[in-house]
Amino acid sequence: MTHAPSARAPQAGAVPVALEPIACPLCGGRETLHLASMPDFALGTPGLFPLARCAGCGLVHQNPRMREDQIERAYPPHYHAHGREPNLARLWRKHRAAVVWRLTRRHGYRHLDAAAAGSRLARLTAPLGAWWWRDAIDITFPPWIGSGRLLDVGCATGVFLRQAREAGWSVAGIEIDPEAAARARSVTPDVFCGDTADAPFAPGSFDVITSFHVVEHLVDPVGALGRMIRWLAPGGLLIVEVPNVDGVGGRLFGRYWSGLDYPRHLVHFTPATMAAMVAKAGGRVVRAQHRNKPRYIVRSVRNLLTARRDPASRALGALLARRAGRDLLRRACEAVMPLGQVAGYGEAVRYYIRAAGADR
């Protein structure tokens, strides 16, 4: 999921979204440190939304939080569920020989036929392409496990499911948005529309489960993680990606960091709090991969400029309203952000999780 790239003002005269105090989603504590109360920069949901840190475990979360009967108001019709990283779908389509070369040799996709993965020239240059695109291939395709049963939680319109199916996976999905779920069913009929708490999957149903930028939206993240871990077959792998509030952007921009996405992101993770939450859910993090998200920085700068009223901020905001200005800032971020990624301060972190009792 994502939000529209431009800041929006709350609708005039709209009634603010009702909030309610909650227990910490991780430890259940009630004592918190108030950090900020901020508007919805992205979509203009009416009201101010508190950011708090649990005094017991340190989890950053929205508290008081939107009442559950009010959460739908934060997702207006122009909030679009989407497939992840559409440029990576083009990678599979345009450089299939290179992708297949790397998948068959590095990730266990022995069922793929390298001889049928493009022209003779494409196959001859596949090793070079596989090296050139290695990071994109590795982040797009999970390792092949078991009999190849994959569930994508928050599958949106099914872009990732389609790519996984073409690579040989037997795919299923969960998506809460009915319109997106209907489109995902063009890939597989096995798409459940609704909350993970109501999904009908049996324990041990999947070899790999993916959930990218979903858990931070959930009222009960521990419960959702626990269900996903139980759905794993023996030796199965859960891959979860969420924004990292302890990353470069969170440290630079604080309350204006776009990864906070008031009020839709209910929980804000660090590697430590994610590890604690996974442990409580019955799993363990076996790897944490920090990732660049230059668009987070671009949006964070715009949030900061929106909050300021001086002429210089307005001029810079006008520059970033243009595509050329956004592209310039994005390129600058792409040049320097790998340093933060290597140092363990990525804008997002992808967590590889196994059941607590698993051998690997």
Foldseek 3Di string as FASTA:
>chain_A
DDFDLAFDAADPPDDAFDFDFAAPLQPRHRDWDWDDWDAQRGPHRDDTWTWIADPPQGWIFTGRAGDPVRLVSLQDPRGAQDAPPVVLLVCCVPLVLLLVVCLVPPQPLVVDDSVPRDDPVSNVCSVVVVVVCVVSSPVLDHRDFDQAEEEEEQCFQQSSVQVSVVSPHNYAYEHQDVVSQVNNVVRPVRYHHRDLVPDDAAFQQGQEYEYEAPLQQDPNSLQSLLSVQRNHHANHKYKYKAFACQAPQVVVQPPLQCSPSPPRRGTHDHVVSVQSSNVSSQKGFPDKAADADLSRVLSSLLSVLVVDDDPVSVVLNVLSVDPVSSVVSSVVCVVPVVVRRVVRRHRMMMTMMHGHPHPD
